[in-house]
Amino acid sequence: TNVAKEIIFVILRAQKPAHLVAGKF
């Protein structure tokens, strides 16, 4: 159960796109 709960947070963090951004915009 403890590991399964941590999976949720990892998936949430992975949903944040890792983009290349020109000039922050």
mmCIF file of all heavy atoms, coordinates in Angstrom:
data_MODEL
# 
_entry.id   MODEL 
# 
loop_
_atom_site.group_PDB 
_atom_site.id 
_atom_site.type_symbol 
_atom_site.label_atom_id 
_atom_site.label_alt_id 
_atom_site.label_comp_id 
_atom_site.label_asym_id 
_atom_site.label_entity_id 
_atom_site.label_seq_id 
_atom_site.pdbx_PDB_ins_code 
_atom_site.Cartn_x 
_atom_site.Cartn_y 
_atom_site.Cartn_z 
_atom_site.occupancy 
_atom_site.B_iso_or_equiv 
_atom_site.pdbx_formal_charge 
_atom_site.auth_seq_id 
_atom_site.auth_comp_id 
_atom_site.auth_asym_id 
_atom_site.auth_atom_id 
_atom_site.pdbx_PDB_model_num 
ATOM 1   N N   . THR A 1 1  ? 0.816  -1.213 0.000   1.00 0.00 ? 1  THR A N   1 
ATOM 2   C CA  . THR A 1 1  ? 0.000  0.000  0.000   1.00 0.00 ? 1  THR A CA  1 
ATOM 3   C C   . THR A 1 1  ? 0.849  1.261  0.000   1.00 0.00 ? 1  THR A C   1 
ATOM 4   O O   . THR A 1 1  ? 0.543  2.233  -0.720  1.00 0.00 ? 1  THR A O   1 
ATOM 5   C CB  . THR A 1 1  ? -0.919 0.003  1.237   1.00 0.00 ? 1  THR A CB  1 
ATOM 6   O OG1 . THR A 1 1  ? -1.705 -1.190 1.251   1.00 0.00 ? 1  THR A OG1 1 
ATOM 7   C CG2 . THR A 1 1  ? -1.852 1.214  1.206   1.00 0.00 ? 1  THR A CG2 1 
ATOM 8   N N   . ASN A 1 2  ? 1.921  1.253  0.765   1.00 0.00 ? 2  ASN A N   1 
ATOM 9   C CA  . ASN A 1 2  ? 2.781  2.448  0.824   1.00 0.00 ? 2  ASN A CA  1 
ATOM 10  C C   . ASN A 1 2  ? 3.427  2.744  -0.529  1.00 0.00 ? 2  ASN A C   1 
ATOM 11  O O   . ASN A 1 2  ? 3.489  3.900  -0.962  1.00 0.00 ? 2  ASN A O   1 
ATOM 12  C CB  . ASN A 1 2  ? 3.864  2.245  1.885   1.00 0.00 ? 2  ASN A CB  1 
ATOM 13  C CG  . ASN A 1 2  ? 3.285  2.210  3.289   1.00 0.00 ? 2  ASN A CG  1 
ATOM 14  O OD1 . ASN A 1 2  ? 2.236  2.815  3.548   1.00 0.00 ? 2  ASN A OD1 1 
ATOM 15  N ND2 . ASN A 1 2  ? 3.951  1.514  4.193   1.00 0.00 ? 2  ASN A ND2 1 
ATOM 16  N N   . VAL A 1 3  ? 3.896  1.692  -1.205  1.00 0.00 ? 3  VAL A N   1 
ATOM 17  C CA  . VAL A 1 3  ? 4.515  1.886  -2.524  1.00 0.00 ? 3  VAL A CA  1 
ATOM 18  C C   . VAL A 1 3  ? 3.471  2.329  -3.543  1.00 0.00 ? 3  VAL A C   1 
ATOM 19  O O   . VAL A 1 3  ? 3.719  3.197  -4.389  1.00 0.00 ? 3  VAL A O   1 
ATOM 20  C CB  . VAL A 1 3  ? 5.216  0.592  -2.980  1.00 0.00 ? 3  VAL A CB  1 
ATOM 21  C CG1 . VAL A 1 3  ? 5.734  0.730  -4.411  1.00 0.00 ? 3  VAL A CG1 1 
ATOM 22  C CG2 . VAL A 1 3  ? 6.362  0.241  -2.042  1.00 0.00 ? 3  VAL A CG2 1 
ATOM 23  N N   . ALA A 1 4  ? 2.269  1.745  -3.474  1.00 0.00 ? 4  ALA A N   1 
ATOM 24  C CA  . ALA A 1 4  ? 1.210  2.108  -4.423  1.00 0.00 ? 4  ALA A CA  1 
ATOM 25  C C   . ALA A 1 4  ? 0.814  3.571  -4.267  1.00 0.00 ? 4  ALA A C   1 
ATOM 26  O O   . ALA A 1 4  ? 0.505  4.254  -5.259  1.00 0.00 ? 4  ALA A O   1 
ATOM 27  C CB  . ALA A 1 4  ? 0.000  1.210  -4.209  1.00 0.00 ? 4  ALA A CB  1 
ATOM 28  N N   . LYS A 1 5  ? 0.816  4.082  -3.033  1.00 0.00 ? 5  LYS A N   1 
ATOM 29  C CA  . LYS A 1 5  ? 0.498  5.500  -2.832  1.00 0.00 ? 5  LYS A CA  1 
ATOM 30  C C   . LYS A 1 5  ? 1.560  6.402  -3.456  1.00 0.00 ? 5  LYS A C   1 
ATOM 31  O O   . LYS A 1 5  ? 1.244  7.447  -4.035  1.00 0.00 ? 5  LYS A O   1 
ATOM 32  C CB  . LYS A 1 5  ? 0.384  5.789  -1.337  1.00 0.00 ? 5  LYS A CB  1 
ATOM 33  C CG  . LYS A 1 5  ? -0.858 5.187  -0.675  1.00 0.00 ? 5  LYS A CG  1 
ATOM 34  C CD  . LYS A 1 5  ? -0.898 5.536  0.789   1.00 0.00 ? 5  LYS A CD  1 
ATOM 35  C CE  . LYS A 1 5  ? -2.148 4.949  1.452   1.00 0.00 ? 5  LYS A CE  1 
ATOM 36  N NZ  . LYS A 1 5  ? -2.178 5.249  2.909   1.00 0.00 ? 5  LYS A NZ  1 
ATOM 37  N N   . GLU A 1 6  ? 2.822  5.986  -3.354  1.00 0.00 ? 6  GLU A N   1 
ATOM 38  C CA  . GLU A 1 6  ? 3.890  6.798  -3.926  1.00 0.00 ? 6  GLU A CA  1 
ATOM 39  C C   . GLU A 1 6  ? 3.807  6.829  -5.449  1.00 0.00 ? 6  GLU A C   1 
ATOM 40  O O   . GLU A 1 6  ? 4.228  7.810  -6.082  1.00 0.00 ? 6  GLU A O   1 
ATOM 41  C CB  . GLU A 1 6  ? 5.251  6.256  -3.476  1.00 0.00 ? 6  GLU A CB  1 
ATOM 42  C CG  . GLU A 1 6  ? 5.498  6.432  -1.986  1.00 0.00 ? 6  GLU A CG  1 
ATOM 43  C CD  . GLU A 1 6  ? 6.858  5.911  -1.572  1.00 0.00 ? 6  GLU A CD  1 
ATOM 44  O OE1 . GLU A 1 6  ? 7.545  5.339  -2.438  1.00 0.00 ? 6  GLU A OE1 1 
ATOM 45  O OE2 . GLU A 1 6  ? 7.225  6.080  -0.407  1.00 0.00 ? 6  GLU A OE2 1 
ATOM 46  N N   . ILE A 1 7  ? 3.286  5.759  -6.039  1.00 0.00 ? 7  ILE A N   1 
ATOM 47  C CA  . ILE A 1 7  ? 3.141  5.718  -7.497  1.00 0.00 ? 7  ILE A CA  1 
ATOM 48  C C   . ILE A 1 7  ? 2.250  6.856  -7.981  1.00 0.00 ? 7  ILE A C   1 
ATOM 49  O O   . ILE A 1 7  ? 2.505  7.458  -9.025  1.00 0.00 ? 7  ILE A O   1 
ATOM 50  C CB  . ILE A 1 7  ? 2.582  4.352  -7.934  1.00 0.00 ? 7  ILE A CB  1 
ATOM 51  C CG1 . ILE A 1 7  ? 3.629  3.265  -7.712  1.00 0.00 ? 7  ILE A CG1 1 
ATOM 52  C CG2 . ILE A 1 7  ? 2.151  4.389  -9.392  1.00 0.00 ? 7  ILE A CG2 1 
ATOM 53  C CD1 . ILE A 1 7  ? 3.146  1.878  -8.057  1.00 0.00 ? 7  ILE A CD1 1 
ATOM 54  N N   . ILE A 1 8  ? 1.207  7.167  -7.212  1.00 0.00 ? 8  ILE A N   1 
ATOM 55  C CA  . ILE A 1 8  ? 0.285  8.239  -7.603  1.00 0.00 ? 8  ILE A CA  1 
ATOM 56  C C   . ILE A 1 8  ? 1.025  9.571  -7.713  1.00 0.00 ? 8  ILE A C   1 
ATOM 57  O O   . ILE A 1 8  ? 0.853  10.323 -8.683  1.00 0.00 ? 8  ILE A O   1 
ATOM 58  C CB  . ILE A 1 8  ? -0.866 8.338  -6.594  1.00 0.00 ? 8  ILE A CB  1 
ATOM 59  C CG1 . ILE A 1 8  ? -1.667 7.035  -6.577  1.00 0.00 ? 8  ILE A CG1 1 
ATOM 60  C CG2 . ILE A 1 8  ? -1.768 9.520  -6.929  1.00 0.00 ? 8  ILE A CG2 1 
ATOM 61  C CD1 . ILE A 1 8  ? -2.756 7.007  -5.526  1.00 0.00 ? 8  ILE A CD1 1 
ATOM 62  N N   . PHE A 1 9  ? 1.893  9.850  -6.746  1.00 0.00 ? 9  PHE A N   1 
ATOM 63  C CA  . PHE A 1 9  ? 2.629  11.118 -6.770  1.00 0.00 ? 9  PHE A CA  1 
ATOM 64  C C   . PHE A 1 9  ? 3.636  11.161 -7.918  1.00 0.00 ? 9  PHE A C   1 
ATOM 65  O O   . PHE A 1 9  ? 3.852  12.208 -8.525  1.00 0.00 ? 9  PHE A O   1 
ATOM 66  C CB  . PHE A 1 9  ? 3.331  11.329 -5.419  1.00 0.00 ? 9  PHE A CB  1 
ATOM 67  C CG  . PHE A 1 9  ? 2.395  11.525 -4.273  1.00 0.00 ? 9  PHE A CG  1 
ATOM 68  C CD1 . PHE A 1 9  ? 2.157  10.497 -3.372  1.00 0.00 ? 9  PHE A CD1 1 
ATOM 69  C CD2 . PHE A 1 9  ? 1.723  12.729 -4.089  1.00 0.00 ? 9  PHE A CD2 1 
ATOM 70  C CE1 . PHE A 1 9  ? 1.283  10.670 -2.309  1.00 0.00 ? 9  PHE A CE1 1 
ATOM 71  C CE2 . PHE A 1 9  ? 0.860  12.909 -3.029  1.00 0.00 ? 9  PHE A CE2 1 
ATOM 72  C CZ  . PHE A 1 9  ? 0.630  11.875 -2.138  1.00 0.00 ? 9  PHE A CZ  1 
ATOM 73  N N   . VAL A 1 10 ? 4.246  10.015 -8.221  1.00 0.00 ? 10 VAL A N   1 
ATOM 74  C CA  . VAL A 1 10 ? 5.196  9.967  -9.340  1.00 0.00 ? 10 VAL A CA  1 
ATOM 75  C C   . VAL A 1 10 ? 4.474  10.222 -10.662 1.00 0.00 ? 10 VAL A C   1 
ATOM 76  O O   . VAL A 1 10 ? 4.955  10.956 -11.533 1.00 0.00 ? 10 VAL A O   1 
ATOM 77  C CB  . VAL A 1 10 ? 5.924  8.619  -9.378  1.00 0.00 ? 10 VAL A CB  1 
ATOM 78  C CG1 . VAL A 1 10 ? 6.845  8.539  -10.587 1.00 0.00 ? 10 VAL A CG1 1 
ATOM 79  C CG2 . VAL A 1 10 ? 6.729  8.411  -8.103  1.00 0.00 ? 10 VAL A CG2 1 
ATOM 80  N N   . ILE A 1 11 ? 3.301  9.615  -10.819 1.00 0.00 ? 11 ILE A N   1 
ATOM 81  C CA  . ILE A 1 11 ? 2.522  9.818  -12.054 1.00 0.00 ? 11 ILE A CA  1 
ATOM 82  C C   . ILE A 1 11 ? 2.088  11.272 -12.177 1.00 0.00 ? 11 ILE A C   1 
ATOM 83  O O   . ILE A 1 11 ? 2.117  11.860 -13.269 1.00 0.00 ? 11 ILE A O   1 
ATOM 84  C CB  . ILE A 1 11 ? 1.303  8.878  -12.078 1.00 0.00 ? 11 ILE A CB  1 
ATOM 85  C CG1 . ILE A 1 11 ? 1.766  7.412  -12.190 1.00 0.00 ? 11 ILE A CG1 1 
ATOM 86  C CG2 . ILE A 1 11 ? 0.377  9.221  -13.229 1.00 0.00 ? 11 ILE A CG2 1 
ATOM 87  C CD1 . ILE A 1 11 ? 0.640  6.404  -12.147 1.00 0.00 ? 11 ILE A CD1 1 
ATOM 88  N N   . LEU A 1 12 ? 1.688  11.870 -11.064 1.00 0.00 ? 12 LEU A N   1 
ATOM 89  C CA  . LEU A 1 12 ? 1.308  13.281 -11.091 1.00 0.00 ? 12 LEU A CA  1 
ATOM 90  C C   . LEU A 1 12 ? 2.484  14.167 -11.496 1.00 0.00 ? 12 LEU A C   1 
ATOM 91  O O   . LEU A 1 12 ? 2.330  15.114 -12.278 1.00 0.00 ? 12 LEU A O   1 
ATOM 92  C CB  . LEU A 1 12 ? 0.775  13.707 -9.724  1.00 0.00 ? 12 LEU A CB  1 
ATOM 93  C CG  . LEU A 1 12 ? -0.607 13.186 -9.329  1.00 0.00 ? 12 LEU A CG  1 
ATOM 94  C CD1 . LEU A 1 12 ? -0.941 13.587 -7.890  1.00 0.00 ? 12 LEU A CD1 1 
ATOM 95  C CD2 . LEU A 1 12 ? -1.677 13.716 -10.281 1.00 0.00 ? 12 LEU A CD2 1 
ATOM 96  N N   . ARG A 1 13 ? 3.664  13.857 -10.965 1.00 0.00 ? 13 ARG A N   1 
ATOM 97  C CA  . ARG A 1 13 ? 4.839  14.648 -11.327 1.00 0.00 ? 13 ARG A CA  1 
ATOM 98  C C   . ARG A 1 13 ? 5.207  14.454 -12.789 1.00 0.00 ? 13 ARG A C   1 
ATOM 99  O O   . ARG A 1 13 ? 5.662  15.388 -13.455 1.00 0.00 ? 13 ARG A O   1 
ATOM 100 C CB  . ARG A 1 13 ? 6.022  14.260 -10.432 1.00 0.00 ? 13 ARG A CB  1 
ATOM 101 C CG  . ARG A 1 13 ? 7.256  15.099 -10.670 1.00 0.00 ? 13 ARG A CG  1 
ATOM 102 C CD  . ARG A 1 13 ? 8.284  14.932 -9.572  1.00 0.00 ? 13 ARG A CD  1 
ATOM 103 N NE  . ARG A 1 13 ? 8.714  13.551 -9.434  1.00 0.00 ? 13 ARG A NE  1 
ATOM 104 C CZ  . ARG A 1 13 ? 9.656  13.151 -8.579  1.00 0.00 ? 13 ARG A CZ  1 
ATOM 105 N NH1 . ARG A 1 13 ? 10.231 14.039 -7.778  1.00 0.00 ? 13 ARG A NH1 1 
ATOM 106 N NH2 . ARG A 1 13 ? 9.994  11.884 -8.491  1.00 0.00 ? 13 ARG A NH2 1 
ATOM 107 N N   . ALA A 1 14 ? 4.988  13.244 -13.316 1.00 0.00 ? 14 ALA A N   1 
ATOM 108 C CA  . ALA A 1 14 ? 5.299  12.973 -14.723 1.00 0.00 ? 14 ALA A CA  1 
ATOM 109 C C   . ALA A 1 14 ? 4.330  13.672 -15.662 1.00 0.00 ? 14 ALA A C   1 
ATOM 110 O O   . ALA A 1 14 ? 4.640  13.840 -16.852 1.00 0.00 ? 14 ALA A O   1 
ATOM 111 C CB  . ALA A 1 14 ? 5.288  11.466 -14.980 1.00 0.00 ? 14 ALA A CB  1 
ATOM 112 N N   . GLN A 1 15 ? 3.166  14.061 -15.177 1.00 0.00 ? 15 GLN A N   1 
ATOM 113 C CA  . GLN A 1 15 ? 2.194  14.727 -16.035 1.00 0.00 ? 15 GLN A CA  1 
ATOM 114 C C   . GLN A 1 15 ? 2.594  16.165 -16.357 1.00 0.00 ? 15 GLN A C   1 
ATOM 115 O O   . GLN A 1 15 ? 2.075  16.753 -17.311 1.00 0.00 ? 15 GLN A O   1 
ATOM 116 C CB  . GLN A 1 15 ? 0.813  14.724 -15.369 1.00 0.00 ? 15 GLN A CB  1 
ATOM 117 C CG  . GLN A 1 15 ? 0.225  13.349 -15.156 1.00 0.00 ? 15 GLN A CG  1 
ATOM 118 C CD  . GLN A 1 15 ? 0.173  12.531 -16.435 1.00 0.00 ? 15 GLN A CD  1 
ATOM 119 O OE1 . GLN A 1 15 ? -0.376 12.986 -17.437 1.00 0.00 ? 15 GLN A OE1 1 
ATOM 120 N NE2 . GLN A 1 15 ? 0.734  11.345 -16.395 1.00 0.00 ? 15 GLN A NE2 1 
ATOM 121 N N   . LYS A 1 16 ? 3.494  16.729 -15.570 1.00 0.00 ? 16 LYS A N   1 
ATOM 122 C CA  . LYS A 1 16 ? 3.981  18.071 -15.862 1.00 0.00 ? 16 LYS A CA  1 
ATOM 123 C C   . LYS A 1 16 ? 4.915  17.999 -17.064 1.00 0.00 ? 16 LYS A C   1 
ATOM 124 O O   . LYS A 1 16 ? 5.959  17.356 -17.006 1.00 0.00 ? 16 LYS A O   1 
ATOM 125 C CB  . LYS A 1 16 ? 4.719  18.652 -14.655 1.00 0.00 ? 16 LYS A CB  1 
ATOM 126 C CG  . LYS A 1 16 ? 5.212  20.070 -14.887 1.00 0.00 ? 16 LYS A CG  1 
ATOM 127 C CD  . LYS A 1 16 ? 5.963  20.592 -13.677 1.00 0.00 ? 16 LYS A CD  1 
ATOM 128 C CE  . LYS A 1 16 ? 6.476  22.004 -13.940 1.00 0.00 ? 16 LYS A CE  1 
ATOM 129 N NZ  . LYS A 1 16 ? 7.236  22.539 -12.768 1.00 0.00 ? 16 LYS A NZ  1 
ATOM 130 N N   . PRO A 1 17 ? 4.556  18.630 -18.177 1.00 0.00 ? 17 PRO A N   1 
ATOM 131 C CA  . PRO A 1 17 ? 5.361  18.488 -19.403 1.00 0.00 ? 17 PRO A CA  1 
ATOM 132 C C   . PRO A 1 17 ? 6.774  19.036 -19.227 1.00 0.00 ? 17 PRO A C   1 
ATOM 133 O O   . PRO A 1 17 ? 6.988  20.083 -18.618 1.00 0.00 ? 17 PRO A O   1 
ATOM 134 C CB  . PRO A 1 17 ? 4.579  19.306 -20.438 1.00 0.00 ? 17 PRO A CB  1 
ATOM 135 C CG  . PRO A 1 17 ? 3.210  19.476 -19.866 1.00 0.00 ? 17 PRO A CG  1 
ATOM 136 C CD  . PRO A 1 17 ? 3.386  19.480 -18.380 1.00 0.00 ? 17 PRO A CD  1 
ATOM 137 N N   . ALA A 1 18 ? 7.735  18.303 -19.750 1.00 0.00 ? 18 ALA A N   1 
ATOM 138 C CA  . ALA A 1 18 ? 9.133  18.749 -19.764 1.00 0.00 ? 18 ALA A CA  1 
ATOM 139 C C   . ALA A 1 18 ? 9.421  19.346 -21.136 1.00 0.00 ? 18 ALA A C   1 
ATOM 140 O O   . ALA A 1 18 ? 9.912  18.675 -22.037 1.00 0.00 ? 18 ALA A O   1 
ATOM 141 C CB  . ALA A 1 18 ? 10.069 17.578 -19.458 1.00 0.00 ? 18 ALA A CB  1 
ATOM 142 N N   . HIS A 1 19 ? 9.090  20.619 -21.312 1.00 0.00 ? 19 HIS A N   1 
ATOM 143 C CA  . HIS A 1 19 ? 9.211  21.278 -22.607 1.00 0.00 ? 19 HIS A CA  1 
ATOM 144 C C   . HIS A 1 19 ? 10.535 22.030 -22.711 1.00 0.00 ? 19 HIS A C   1 
ATOM 145 O O   . HIS A 1 19 ? 11.134 22.420 -21.716 1.00 0.00 ? 19 HIS A O   1 
ATOM 146 C CB  . HIS A 1 19 ? 8.076  22.294 -22.803 1.00 0.00 ? 19 HIS A CB  1 
ATOM 147 C CG  . HIS A 1 19 ? 6.728  21.665 -22.976 1.00 0.00 ? 19 HIS A CG  1 
ATOM 148 N ND1 . HIS A 1 19 ? 6.436  20.792 -23.995 1.00 0.00 ? 19 HIS A ND1 1 
ATOM 149 C CD2 . HIS A 1 19 ? 5.590  21.799 -22.249 1.00 0.00 ? 19 HIS A CD2 1 
ATOM 150 C CE1 . HIS A 1 19 ? 5.180  20.418 -23.908 1.00 0.00 ? 19 HIS A CE1 1 
ATOM 151 N NE2 . HIS A 1 19 ? 4.639  21.006 -22.849 1.00 0.00 ? 19 HIS A NE2 1 
ATOM 152 N N   . LEU A 1 20 ? 10.964 22.236 -23.966 1.00 0.00 ? 20 LEU A N   1 
ATOM 153 C CA  . LEU A 1 20 ? 11.946 23.271 -24.250 1.00 0.00 ? 20 LEU A CA  1 
ATOM 154 C C   . LEU A 1 20 ? 11.172 24.571 -24.439 1.00 0.00 ? 20 LEU A C   1 
ATOM 155 O O   . LEU A 1 20 ? 10.244 24.632 -25.246 1.00 0.00 ? 20 LEU A O   1 
ATOM 156 C CB  . LEU A 1 20 ? 12.737 22.945 -25.522 1.00 0.00 ? 20 LEU A CB  1 
ATOM 157 C CG  . LEU A 1 20 ? 13.733 21.789 -25.450 1.00 0.00 ? 20 LEU A CG  1 
ATOM 158 C CD1 . LEU A 1 20 ? 14.476 21.656 -26.774 1.00 0.00 ? 20 LEU A CD1 1 
ATOM 159 C CD2 . LEU A 1 20 ? 14.714 21.967 -24.311 1.00 0.00 ? 20 LEU A CD2 1 
ATOM 160 N N   . VAL A 1 21 ? 11.558 25.596 -23.701 1.00 0.00 ? 21 VAL A N   1 
ATOM 161 C CA  . VAL A 1 21 ? 10.821 26.856 -23.736 1.00 0.00 ? 21 VAL A CA  1 
ATOM 162 C C   . VAL A 1 21 ? 11.765 27.966 -24.169 1.00 0.00 ? 21 VAL A C   1 
ATOM 163 O O   . VAL A 1 21 ? 12.865 28.118 -23.619 1.00 0.00 ? 21 VAL A O   1 
ATOM 164 C CB  . VAL A 1 21 ? 10.209 27.183 -22.358 1.00 0.00 ? 21 VAL A CB  1 
ATOM 165 C CG1 . VAL A 1 21 ? 9.395  28.464 -22.427 1.00 0.00 ? 21 VAL A CG1 1 
ATOM 166 C CG2 . VAL A 1 21 ? 9.345  26.034 -21.874 1.00 0.00 ? 21 VAL A CG2 1 
ATOM 167 N N   . ALA A 1 22 ? 11.341 28.724 -25.173 1.00 0.00 ? 22 ALA A N   1 
ATOM 168 C CA  . ALA A 1 22 ? 12.133 29.849 -25.677 1.00 0.00 ? 22 ALA A CA  1 
ATOM 169 C C   . ALA A 1 22 ? 11.752 31.109 -24.915 1.00 0.00 ? 22 ALA A C   1 
ATOM 170 O O   . ALA A 1 22 ? 10.610 31.580 -24.999 1.00 0.00 ? 22 ALA A O   1 
ATOM 171 C CB  . ALA A 1 22 ? 11.893 30.036 -27.171 1.00 0.00 ? 22 ALA A CB  1 
ATOM 172 N N   . GLY A 1 23 ? 12.696 31.628 -24.146 1.00 0.00 ? 23 GLY A N   1 
ATOM 173 C CA  . GLY A 1 23 ? 12.441 32.856 -23.402 1.00 0.00 ? 23 GLY A CA  1 
ATOM 174 C C   . GLY A 1 23 ? 11.374 32.732 -22.350 1.00 0.00 ? 23 GLY A C   1 
ATOM 175 O O   . GLY A 1 23 ? 10.751 33.733 -21.974 1.00 0.00 ? 23 GLY A O   1 
ATOM 176 N N   . LYS A 1 24 ? 11.115 31.538 -21.867 1.00 0.00 ? 24 LYS A N   1 
ATOM 177 C CA  . LYS A 1 24 ? 10.143 31.284 -20.803 1.00 0.00 ? 24 LYS A CA  1 
ATOM 178 C C   . LYS A 1 24 ? 8.697  31.536 -21.219 1.00 0.00 ? 24 LYS A C   1 
ATOM 179 O O   . LYS A 1 24 ? 7.812  31.574 -20.358 1.00 0.00 ? 24 LYS A O   1 
ATOM 180 C CB  . LYS A 1 24 ? 10.451 32.155 -19.562 1.00 0.00 ? 24 LYS A CB  1 
ATOM 181 C CG  . LYS A 1 24 ? 11.848 32.001 -19.005 1.00 0.00 ? 24 LYS A CG  1 
ATOM 182 C CD  . LYS A 1 24 ? 12.116 30.610 -18.466 1.00 0.00 ? 24 LYS A CD  1 
ATOM 183 C CE  . LYS A 1 24 ? 13.488 30.510 -17.817 1.00 0.00 ? 24 LYS A CE  1 
ATOM 184 N NZ  . LYS A 1 24 ? 13.772 29.155 -17.305 1.00 0.00 ? 24 LYS A NZ  1 
ATOM 185 N N   . PHE A 1 25 ? 8.435  31.689 -22.526 1.00 0.00 ? 25 PHE A N   1 
ATOM 186 C CA  . PHE A 1 25 ? 7.051  31.967 -22.920 1.00 0.00 ? 25 PHE A CA  1 
ATOM 187 C C   . PHE A 1 25 ? 6.602  31.196 -24.157 1.00 0.00 ? 25 PHE A C   1 
ATOM 188 O O   . PHE A 1 25 ? 5.409  31.080 -24.401 1.00 0.00 ? 25 PHE A O   1 
ATOM 189 C CB  . PHE A 1 25 ? 6.857  33.473 -23.164 1.00 0.00 ? 25 PHE A CB  1 
ATOM 190 C CG  . PHE A 1 25 ? 7.770  34.057 -24.193 1.00 0.00 ? 25 PHE A CG  1 
ATOM 191 C CD1 . PHE A 1 25 ? 7.463  34.011 -25.540 1.00 0.00 ? 25 PHE A CD1 1 
ATOM 192 C CD2 . PHE A 1 25 ? 8.955  34.668 -23.800 1.00 0.00 ? 25 PHE A CD2 1 
ATOM 193 C CE1 . PHE A 1 25 ? 8.314  34.553 -26.489 1.00 0.00 ? 25 PHE A CE1 1 
ATOM 194 C CE2 . PHE A 1 25 ? 9.810  35.215 -24.736 1.00 0.00 ? 25 PHE A CE2 1 
ATOM 195 C CZ  . PHE A 1 25 ? 9.487  35.162 -26.084 1.00 0.00 ? 25 PHE A CZ  1 
# 
